[in-house]
PDB file of all heavy atoms in Angstrom:
ATOM      1  N   ARG A   1       1.841 -21.483  -0.628  1.00  0.00           N
ATOM      2  CA  ARG A   1       1.788 -22.275   0.546  1.00  0.00           C
ATOM      3  C   ARG A   1       2.506 -23.638   0.314  1.00  0.00           C
ATOM      4  O   ARG A   1       2.332 -24.335  -0.649  1.00  0.00           O
ATOM      5  CB  ARG A   1       0.356 -22.560   0.992  1.00  0.00           C
ATOM      6  CG  ARG A   1      -0.295 -21.340   1.478  1.00  0.00           C
ATOM      7  CD  ARG A   1      -1.584 -21.634   2.177  1.00  0.00           C
ATOM      8  NE  ARG A   1      -2.300 -20.381   2.517  1.00  0.00           N
ATOM      9  CZ  ARG A   1      -3.486 -20.045   2.032  1.00  0.00           C
ATOM     10  NH1 ARG A   1      -4.144 -20.865   1.323  1.00  0.00           N
ATOM     11  NH2 ARG A   1      -4.049 -18.906   2.355  1.00  0.00           N
ATOM     12  N   GLU A   2       3.312 -24.029   1.276  1.00  0.00           N
ATOM     13  CA  GLU A   2       3.943 -25.260   1.252  1.00  0.00           C
ATOM     14  C   GLU A   2       2.982 -26.378   1.478  1.00  0.00           C
ATOM     15  O   GLU A   2       2.171 -26.291   2.412  1.00  0.00           O
ATOM     16  CB  GLU A   2       5.110 -25.392   2.297  1.00  0.00           C
ATOM     17  CG  GLU A   2       5.946 -26.586   2.207  1.00  0.00           C
ATOM     18  CD  GLU A   2       7.074 -26.546   3.184  1.00  0.00           C
ATOM     19  OE1 GLU A   2       7.420 -25.552   3.786  1.00  0.00           O
ATOM     20  OE2 GLU A   2       7.752 -27.583   3.290  1.00  0.00           O
ATOM     21  N   THR A   3       2.995 -27.425   0.665  1.00  0.00           N
ATOM     22  CA  THR A   3       2.143 -28.597   0.873  1.00  0.00           C
ATOM     23  C   THR A   3       2.911 -29.771   0.927  1.00  0.00           C
ATOM     24  O   THR A   3       4.014 -29.895   0.487  1.00  0.00           O
ATOM     25  CB  THR A   3       1.071 -28.647  -0.285  1.00  0.00           C
ATOM     26  OG1 THR A   3       1.814 -28.855  -1.478  1.00  0.00           O
ATOM     27  CG2 THR A   3       0.226 -27.458  -0.323  1.00  0.00           C
ATOM     28  N   ILE A   4       2.313 -30.782   1.539  1.00  0.00           N
ATOM     29  CA  ILE A   4       3.013 -32.112   1.663  1.00  0.00           C
ATOM     30  C   ILE A   4       2.028 -33.074   0.992  1.00  0.00           C
ATOM     31  O   ILE A   4       0.832 -33.050   1.305  1.00  0.00           O
ATOM     32  CB  ILE A   4       3.268 -32.540   3.151  1.00  0.00           C
ATOM     33  CG1 ILE A   4       4.263 -31.582   3.792  1.00  0.00           C
ATOM     34  CG2 ILE A   4       3.747 -33.983   3.168  1.00  0.00           C
ATOM     35  CD1 ILE A   4       4.466 -31.828   5.159  1.00  0.00           C
ATOM     36  N   LYS A   5       2.549 -33.840   0.132  1.00  0.00           N
ATOM     37  CA  LYS A   5       1.712 -34.867  -0.570  1.00  0.00           C
ATOM     38  C   LYS A   5       2.167 -36.268  -0.146  1.00  0.00           C
ATOM     39  O   LYS A   5       3.385 -36.505  -0.184  1.00  0.00           O
ATOM     40  CB  LYS A   5       1.810 -34.693  -2.085  1.00  0.00           C
ATOM     41  CG  LYS A   5       1.179 -33.439  -2.535  1.00  0.00           C
ATOM     42  CD  LYS A   5       1.199 -33.273  -3.996  1.00  0.00           C
ATOM     43  CE  LYS A   5       0.649 -31.900  -4.436  1.00  0.00           C
ATOM     44  NZ  LYS A   5       0.478 -31.791  -5.775  1.00  0.00           N
ATOM     45  N   LEU A   6       1.193 -37.097   0.212  1.00  0.00           N
ATOM     46  CA  LEU A   6       1.575 -38.493   0.520  1.00  0.00           C
ATOM     47  C   LEU A   6       0.867 -39.395  -0.443  1.00  0.00           C
ATOM     48  O   LEU A   6      -0.310 -39.164  -0.772  1.00  0.00           O
ATOM     49  CB  LEU A   6       1.031 -38.808   1.936  1.00  0.00           C
ATOM     50  CG  LEU A   6       1.584 -37.904   3.050  1.00  0.00           C
ATOM     51  CD1 LEU A   6       0.816 -38.247   4.398  1.00  0.00           C
ATOM     52  CD2 LEU A   6       3.065 -38.212   3.268  1.00  0.00           C
ATOM     53  N   SER A   7       1.508 -40.386  -0.904  1.00  0.00           N
ATOM     54  CA  SER A   7       0.906 -41.334  -1.850  1.00  0.00           C
ATOM     55  C   SER A   7      -0.153 -42.203  -1.004  1.00  0.00           C
ATOM     56  O   SER A   7       0.193 -42.587   0.047  1.00  0.00           O
ATOM     57  CB  SER A   7       1.889 -42.194  -2.521  1.00  0.00           C
ATOM     58  OG  SER A   7       2.106 -43.413  -1.864  1.00  0.00           O
ATOM     59  N   SER A   8      -1.208 -42.406  -1.559  1.00  0.00           N
ATOM     60  CA  SER A   8      -2.312 -43.150  -0.858  1.00  0.00           C
ATOM     61  C   SER A   8      -1.799 -44.588  -0.649  1.00  0.00           C
ATOM     62  O   SER A   8      -2.182 -45.282   0.314  1.00  0.00           O
ATOM     63  CB  SER A   8      -3.581 -43.201  -1.635  1.00  0.00           C
ATOM     64  OG  SER A   8      -3.370 -43.700  -2.960  1.00  0.00           O
ATOM     65  N   GLU A   9      -0.903 -45.103  -1.533  1.00  0.00           N
ATOM     66  CA  GLU A   9      -0.337 -46.457  -1.445  1.00  0.00           C
ATOM     67  C   GLU A   9       0.431 -46.581  -0.121  1.00  0.00           C
ATOM     68  O   GLU A   9       0.404 -47.606   0.544  1.00  0.00           O
ATOM     69  CB  GLU A   9       0.533 -46.731  -2.569  1.00  0.00           C
ATOM     70  CG  GLU A   9      -0.197 -46.874  -3.861  1.00  0.00           C
ATOM     71  CD  GLU A   9       0.669 -46.735  -5.058  1.00  0.00           C
ATOM     72  OE1 GLU A   9       1.935 -46.595  -4.921  1.00  0.00           O
ATOM     73  OE2 GLU A   9       0.139 -46.788  -6.196  1.00  0.00           O
ATOM     74  N   ARG A  10       1.133 -45.488   0.283  1.00  0.00           N
ATOM     75  CA  ARG A  10       1.971 -45.556   1.483  1.00  0.00           C
ATOM     76  C   ARG A  10       1.142 -45.525   2.752  1.00  0.00           C
ATOM     77  O   ARG A  10       1.535 -46.052   3.736  1.00  0.00           O
ATOM     78  CB  ARG A  10       2.990 -44.439   1.479  1.00  0.00           C
ATOM     79  CG  ARG A  10       4.046 -44.584   0.446  1.00  0.00           C
ATOM     80  CD  ARG A  10       5.137 -43.642   0.614  1.00  0.00           C
ATOM     81  NE  ARG A  10       5.896 -43.932   1.835  1.00  0.00           N
ATOM     82  CZ  ARG A  10       6.850 -43.177   2.337  1.00  0.00           C
ATOM     83  NH1 ARG A  10       7.150 -42.088   1.786  1.00  0.00           N
ATOM     84  NH2 ARG A  10       7.498 -43.540   3.395  1.00  0.00           N
ATOM     85  N   ILE A  11      -0.047 -44.849   2.764  1.00  0.00           N
ATOM     86  CA  ILE A  11      -0.769 -44.683   4.010  1.00  0.00           C
ATOM     87  C   ILE A  11      -1.991 -45.634   4.120  1.00  0.00           C
ATOM     88  O   ILE A  11      -2.604 -45.739   5.142  1.00  0.00           O
ATOM     89  CB  ILE A  11      -1.271 -43.261   4.146  1.00  0.00           C
ATOM     90  CG1 ILE A  11      -2.200 -42.827   3.026  1.00  0.00           C
ATOM     91  CG2 ILE A  11      -0.045 -42.309   4.284  1.00  0.00           C
ATOM     92  CD1 ILE A  11      -2.850 -41.460   3.162  1.00  0.00           C
ATOM     93  N   ARG A  12      -2.423 -46.300   3.024  1.00  0.00           N
ATOM     94  CA  ARG A  12      -3.603 -47.104   3.045  1.00  0.00           C
ATOM     95  C   ARG A  12      -3.579 -48.153   4.089  1.00  0.00           C
ATOM     96  O   ARG A  12      -4.598 -48.596   4.663  1.00  0.00           O
ATOM     97  CB  ARG A  12      -3.801 -47.808   1.695  1.00  0.00           C
ATOM     98  CG  ARG A  12      -4.698 -46.934   0.775  1.00  0.00           C
ATOM     99  CD  ARG A  12      -6.049 -46.751   1.397  1.00  0.00           C
ATOM    100  NE  ARG A  12      -6.495 -45.343   0.972  1.00  0.00           N
ATOM    101  CZ  ARG A  12      -7.364 -44.587   1.629  1.00  0.00           C
ATOM    102  NH1 ARG A  12      -7.899 -45.008   2.664  1.00  0.00           N
ATOM    103  NH2 ARG A  12      -7.629 -43.468   1.230  1.00  0.00           N
ATOM    104  N   SER A  13      -2.441 -48.777   4.422  1.00  0.00           N
ATOM    105  CA  SER A  13      -2.440 -49.810   5.444  1.00  0.00           C
ATOM    106  C   SER A  13      -2.654 -49.277   6.861  1.00  0.00           C
ATOM    107  O   SER A  13      -2.860 -50.066   7.831  1.00  0.00           O
ATOM    108  CB  SER A  13      -1.109 -50.635   5.336  1.00  0.00           C
ATOM    109  OG  SER A  13      -0.013 -49.784   5.630  1.00  0.00           O
ATOM    110  N   TYR A  14      -2.576 -47.977   7.022  1.00  0.00           N
ATOM    111  CA  TYR A  14      -2.734 -47.363   8.353  1.00  0.00           C
ATOM    112  C   TYR A  14      -4.104 -46.660   8.507  1.00  0.00           C
ATOM    113  O   TYR A  14      -4.494 -46.444   9.644  1.00  0.00           O
ATOM    114  CB  TYR A  14      -1.635 -46.280   8.577  1.00  0.00           C
ATOM    115  CG  TYR A  14      -0.272 -46.863   8.448  1.00  0.00           C
ATOM    116  CD1 TYR A  14       0.526 -46.567   7.293  1.00  0.00           C
ATOM    117  CD2 TYR A  14       0.308 -47.576   9.415  1.00  0.00           C
ATOM    118  CE1 TYR A  14       1.804 -47.073   7.143  1.00  0.00           C
ATOM    119  CE2 TYR A  14       1.622 -48.101   9.279  1.00  0.00           C
ATOM    120  CZ  TYR A  14       2.319 -47.872   8.136  1.00  0.00           C
ATOM    121  OH  TYR A  14       3.619 -48.382   8.069  1.00  0.00           O
ATOM    122  N   VAL A  15      -4.668 -46.280   7.421  1.00  0.00           N
ATOM    123  CA  VAL A  15      -5.973 -45.566   7.486  1.00  0.00           C
ATOM    124  C   VAL A  15      -7.133 -46.470   6.999  1.00  0.00           C
ATOM    125  O   VAL A  15      -7.018 -47.180   5.987  1.00  0.00           O
ATOM    126  CB  VAL A  15      -5.897 -44.306   6.550  1.00  0.00           C
ATOM    127  CG1 VAL A  15      -7.124 -43.523   6.550  1.00  0.00           C
ATOM    128  CG2 VAL A  15      -4.714 -43.476   7.005  1.00  0.00           C
ATOM    129  N   PRO A  16      -8.241 -46.419   7.623  1.00  0.00           N
ATOM    130  CA  PRO A  16      -9.418 -47.222   7.153  1.00  0.00           C
ATOM    131  C   PRO A  16      -9.742 -46.961   5.734  1.00  0.00           C
ATOM    132  O   PRO A  16      -9.739 -45.813   5.296  1.00  0.00           O
ATOM    133  CB  PRO A  16     -10.546 -46.787   8.138  1.00  0.00           C
ATOM    134  CG  PRO A  16      -9.817 -46.411   9.416  1.00  0.00           C
ATOM    135  CD  PRO A  16      -8.573 -45.740   8.925  1.00  0.00           C
ATOM    136  N   LYS A  17      -9.944 -47.970   4.967  1.00  0.00           N
ATOM    137  CA  LYS A  17     -10.200 -47.873   3.502  1.00  0.00           C
ATOM    138  C   LYS A  17     -11.444 -46.988   3.204  1.00  0.00           C
ATOM    139  O   LYS A  17     -11.501 -46.400   2.134  1.00  0.00           O
ATOM    140  CB  LYS A  17     -10.348 -49.254   2.892  1.00  0.00           C
ATOM    141  CG  LYS A  17      -9.014 -50.000   2.898  1.00  0.00           C
ATOM    142  CD  LYS A  17      -9.166 -51.406   2.168  1.00  0.00           C
ATOM    143  CE  LYS A  17      -8.001 -52.259   2.240  1.00  0.00           C
ATOM    144  NZ  LYS A  17      -6.726 -51.810   2.540  1.00  0.00           N
ATOM    145  N   LYS A  18     -12.451 -47.021   4.088  1.00  0.00           N
ATOM    146  CA  LYS A  18     -13.704 -46.303   3.799  1.00  0.00           C
ATOM    147  C   LYS A  18     -13.515 -44.739   3.975  1.00  0.00           C
ATOM    148  O   LYS A  18     -14.403 -44.033   3.613  1.00  0.00           O
ATOM    149  CB  LYS A  18     -14.789 -46.825   4.724  1.00  0.00           C
ATOM    150  CG  LYS A  18     -14.555 -46.541   6.219  1.00  0.00           C
ATOM    151  CD  LYS A  18     -15.619 -47.069   7.062  1.00  0.00           C
ATOM    152  CE  LYS A  18     -15.259 -46.829   8.526  1.00  0.00           C
ATOM    153  NZ  LYS A  18     -16.263 -47.332   9.432  1.00  0.00           N
ATOM    154  N   TYR A  19     -12.451 -44.294   4.503  1.00  0.00           N
ATOM    155  CA  TYR A  19     -12.258 -42.818   4.703  1.00  0.00           C
ATOM    156  C   TYR A  19     -12.037 -42.074   3.447  1.00  0.00           C
ATOM    157  O   TYR A  19     -11.266 -42.535   2.570  1.00  0.00           O
ATOM    158  CB  TYR A  19     -11.011 -42.606   5.660  1.00  0.00           C
ATOM    159  CG  TYR A  19     -11.240 -42.819   7.148  1.00  0.00           C
ATOM    160  CD1 TYR A  19     -12.415 -43.446   7.587  1.00  0.00           C
ATOM    161  CD2 TYR A  19     -10.344 -42.403   8.051  1.00  0.00           C
ATOM    162  CE1 TYR A  19     -12.605 -43.639   8.910  1.00  0.00           C
ATOM    163  CE2 TYR A  19     -10.553 -42.517   9.442  1.00  0.00           C
ATOM    164  CZ  TYR A  19     -11.662 -43.144   9.856  1.00  0.00           C
ATOM    165  OH  TYR A  19     -11.914 -43.353  11.164  1.00  0.00           O
ATOM    166  N   ASN A  20     -12.623 -40.915   3.368  1.00  0.00           N
ATOM    167  CA  ASN A  20     -12.442 -40.067   2.178  1.00  0.00           C
ATOM    168  C   ASN A  20     -11.235 -39.182   2.517  1.00  0.00           C
ATOM    169  O   ASN A  20     -10.550 -39.374   3.512  1.00  0.00           O
ATOM    170  CB  ASN A  20     -13.715 -39.170   1.957  1.00  0.00           C
ATOM    171  CG  ASN A  20     -13.984 -38.249   3.041  1.00  0.00           C
ATOM    172  OD1 ASN A  20     -13.180 -37.803   3.793  1.00  0.00           O
ATOM    173  ND2 ASN A  20     -15.267 -37.950   3.171  1.00  0.00           N
ATOM    174  N   ALA A  21     -10.841 -38.264   1.654  1.00  0.00           N
ATOM    175  CA  ALA A  21      -9.689 -37.515   1.723  1.00  0.00           C
ATOM    176  C   ALA A  21      -9.636 -36.654   3.008  1.00  0.00           C
ATOM    177  O   ALA A  21      -8.604 -36.628   3.749  1.00  0.00           O
ATOM    178  CB  ALA A  21      -9.458 -36.622   0.512  1.00  0.00           C
ATOM    179  N   LYS A  22     -10.720 -36.052   3.396  1.00  0.00           N
ATOM    180  CA  LYS A  22     -10.791 -35.188   4.574  1.00  0.00           C
ATOM    181  C   LYS A  22     -10.622 -36.056   5.838  1.00  0.00           C
ATOM    182  O   LYS A  22      -9.935 -35.664   6.729  1.00  0.00           O
ATOM    183  CB  LYS A  22     -12.173 -34.441   4.628  1.00  0.00           C
ATOM    184  CG  LYS A  22     -12.378 -33.680   5.875  1.00  0.00           C
ATOM    185  CD  LYS A  22     -11.468 -32.470   5.975  1.00  0.00           C
ATOM    186  CE  LYS A  22     -11.859 -31.593   7.195  1.00  0.00           C
ATOM    187  NZ  LYS A  22     -10.729 -31.370   8.124  1.00  0.00           N
ATOM    188  N   GLN A  23     -11.350 -37.176   5.853  1.00  0.00           N
ATOM    189  CA  GLN A  23     -11.237 -38.128   6.972  1.00  0.00           C
ATOM    190  C   GLN A  23      -9.858 -38.596   7.154  1.00  0.00           C
ATOM    191  O   GLN A  23      -9.343 -38.776   8.188  1.00  0.00           O
ATOM    192  CB  GLN A  23     -12.222 -39.221   6.851  1.00  0.00           C
ATOM    193  CG  GLN A  23     -13.682 -38.766   6.998  1.00  0.00           C
ATOM    194  CD  GLN A  23     -14.629 -39.959   6.632  1.00  0.00           C
ATOM    195  OE1 GLN A  23     -14.433 -40.569   5.555  1.00  0.00           O
ATOM    196  NE2 GLN A  23     -15.721 -40.144   7.447  1.00  0.00           N
ATOM    197  N   THR A  24      -9.213 -38.907   6.016  1.00  0.00           N
ATOM    198  CA  THR A  24      -7.801 -39.407   6.011  1.00  0.00           C
ATOM    199  C   THR A  24      -6.840 -38.330   6.599  1.00  0.00           C
ATOM    200  O   THR A  24      -6.017 -38.617   7.435  1.00  0.00           O
ATOM    201  CB  THR A  24      -7.359 -39.822   4.627  1.00  0.00           C
ATOM    202  OG1 THR A  24      -8.231 -40.868   4.175  1.00  0.00           O
ATOM    203  CG2 THR A  24      -5.917 -40.307   4.549  1.00  0.00           C
ATOM    204  N   GLU A  25      -7.070 -37.042   6.156  1.00  0.00           N
ATOM    205  CA  GLU A  25      -6.226 -35.975   6.650  1.00  0.00           C
ATOM    206  C   GLU A  25      -6.403 -35.849   8.166  1.00  0.00           C
ATOM    207  O   GLU A  25      -5.426 -35.757   8.965  1.00  0.00           O
ATOM    208  CB  GLU A  25      -6.587 -34.662   5.995  1.00  0.00           C
ATOM    209  CG  GLU A  25      -5.821 -33.536   6.443  1.00  0.00           C
ATOM    210  CD  GLU A  25      -6.157 -32.214   5.789  1.00  0.00           C
ATOM    211  OE1 GLU A  25      -6.878 -32.238   4.869  1.00  0.00           O
ATOM    212  OE2 GLU A  25      -5.688 -31.186   6.303  1.00  0.00           O
ATOM    213  N   ASP A  26      -7.688 -35.876   8.633  1.00  0.00           N
ATOM    214  CA  ASP A  26      -7.928 -35.769  10.055  1.00  0.00           C
ATOM    215  C   ASP A  26      -7.364 -36.916  10.854  1.00  0.00           C
ATOM    216  O   ASP A  26      -6.747 -36.750  11.949  1.00  0.00           O
ATOM    217  CB  ASP A  26      -9.497 -35.790  10.308  1.00  0.00           C
ATOM    218  CG  ASP A  26     -10.136 -34.454   9.841  1.00  0.00           C
ATOM    219  OD1 ASP A  26      -9.421 -33.518   9.553  1.00  0.00           O
ATOM    220  OD2 ASP A  26     -11.335 -34.515   9.686  1.00  0.00           O
ATOM    221  N   PHE A  27      -7.420 -38.099  10.312  1.00  0.00           N
ATOM    222  CA  PHE A  27      -6.786 -39.282  10.891  1.00  0.00           C
ATOM    223  C   PHE A  27      -5.291 -39.141  11.078  1.00  0.00           C
ATOM    224  O   PHE A  27      -4.765 -39.420  12.148  1.00  0.00           O
ATOM    225  CB  PHE A  27      -7.125 -40.558  10.044  1.00  0.00           C
ATOM    226  CG  PHE A  27      -6.624 -41.784  10.640  1.00  0.00           C
ATOM    227  CD1 PHE A  27      -7.428 -42.614  11.469  1.00  0.00           C
ATOM    228  CD2 PHE A  27      -5.362 -42.275  10.308  1.00  0.00           C
ATOM    229  CE1 PHE A  27      -6.895 -43.788  12.015  1.00  0.00           C
ATOM    230  CE2 PHE A  27      -4.894 -43.513  10.808  1.00  0.00           C
ATOM    231  CZ  PHE A  27      -5.647 -44.256  11.689  1.00  0.00           C
ATOM    232  N   ILE A  28      -4.621 -38.660  10.085  1.00  0.00           N
ATOM    233  CA  ILE A  28      -3.232 -38.479  10.091  1.00  0.00           C
ATOM    234  C   ILE A  28      -2.814 -37.421  11.123  1.00  0.00           C
ATOM    235  O   ILE A  28      -1.892 -37.569  11.827  1.00  0.00           O
ATOM    236  CB  ILE A  28      -2.654 -38.084   8.661  1.00  0.00           C
ATOM    237  CG1 ILE A  28      -2.791 -39.363   7.714  1.00  0.00           C
ATOM    238  CG2 ILE A  28      -1.283 -37.691   8.722  1.00  0.00           C
ATOM    239  CD1 ILE A  28      -2.584 -39.051   6.305  1.00  0.00           C
ATOM    240  N   ILE A  29      -3.546 -36.367  11.150  1.00  0.00           N
ATOM    241  CA  ILE A  29      -3.295 -35.237  12.113  1.00  0.00           C
ATOM    242  C   ILE A  29      -3.434 -35.788  13.533  1.00  0.00           C
ATOM    243  O   ILE A  29      -2.586 -35.535  14.397  1.00  0.00           O
ATOM    244  CB  ILE A  29      -4.230 -34.054  11.889  1.00  0.00           C
ATOM    245  CG1 ILE A  29      -3.888 -33.339  10.524  1.00  0.00           C
ATOM    246  CG2 ILE A  29      -4.130 -33.084  13.037  1.00  0.00           C
ATOM    247  CD1 ILE A  29      -2.478 -32.873  10.367  1.00  0.00           C
ATOM    248  N   LYS A  30      -4.518 -36.517  13.810  1.00  0.00           N
ATOM    249  CA  LYS A  30      -4.687 -37.119  15.138  1.00  0.00           C
ATOM    250  C   LYS A  30      -3.541 -38.053  15.478  1.00  0.00           C
ATOM    251  O   LYS A  30      -3.059 -38.050  16.637  1.00  0.00           O
ATOM    252  CB  LYS A  30      -6.002 -37.825  15.251  1.00  0.00           C
ATOM    253  CG  LYS A  30      -7.181 -36.893  15.324  1.00  0.00           C
ATOM    254  CD  LYS A  30      -8.495 -37.654  15.377  1.00  0.00           C
ATOM    255  CE  LYS A  30      -9.665 -36.664  15.395  1.00  0.00           C
ATOM    256  NZ  LYS A  30     -10.955 -37.337  15.401  1.00  0.00           N
ATOM    257  N   ALA A  31      -3.152 -38.853  14.545  1.00  0.00           N
ATOM    258  CA  ALA A  31      -1.974 -39.762  14.761  1.00  0.00           C
ATOM    259  C   ALA A  31      -0.726 -39.008  15.011  1.00  0.00           C
ATOM    260  O   ALA A  31      -0.016 -39.374  15.929  1.00  0.00           O
ATOM    261  CB  ALA A  31      -1.838 -40.710  13.515  1.00  0.00           C
ATOM    262  N   LEU A  32      -0.499 -37.902  14.342  1.00  0.00           N
ATOM    263  CA  LEU A  32       0.709 -37.138  14.591  1.00  0.00           C
ATOM    264  C   LEU A  32       0.632 -36.461  15.958  1.00  0.00           C
ATOM    265  O   LEU A  32       1.670 -36.377  16.686  1.00  0.00           O
ATOM    266  CB  LEU A  32       0.859 -36.097  13.565  1.00  0.00           C
ATOM    267  CG  LEU A  32       1.292 -36.657  12.107  1.00  0.00           C
ATOM    268  CD1 LEU A  32       1.169 -35.539  11.101  1.00  0.00           C
ATOM    269  CD2 LEU A  32       2.659 -37.207  12.185  1.00  0.00           C
ATOM    270  N   GLU A  33      -0.542 -35.993  16.370  1.00  0.00           N
ATOM    271  CA  GLU A  33      -0.683 -35.436  17.675  1.00  0.00           C
ATOM    272  C   GLU A  33      -0.386 -36.447  18.766  1.00  0.00           C
ATOM    273  O   GLU A  33       0.272 -36.183  19.777  1.00  0.00           O
ATOM    274  CB  GLU A  33      -2.099 -34.786  17.815  1.00  0.00           C
ATOM    275  CG  GLU A  33      -2.271 -33.519  16.984  1.00  0.00           C
ATOM    276  CD  GLU A  33      -3.711 -33.093  16.937  1.00  0.00           C
ATOM    277  OE1 GLU A  33      -4.671 -33.929  17.378  1.00  0.00           O
ATOM    278  OE2 GLU A  33      -3.953 -31.977  16.449  1.00  0.00           O
TER     279      GLU A  33
END
């Protein structure tokens, strides 16, 4: 399966710091939608 990896350094300024990996993924998907 093709996967996409994002460095946490690149996305940290956009995602709340308290979010775990799953919450971060959900946040990114909602932002993309």
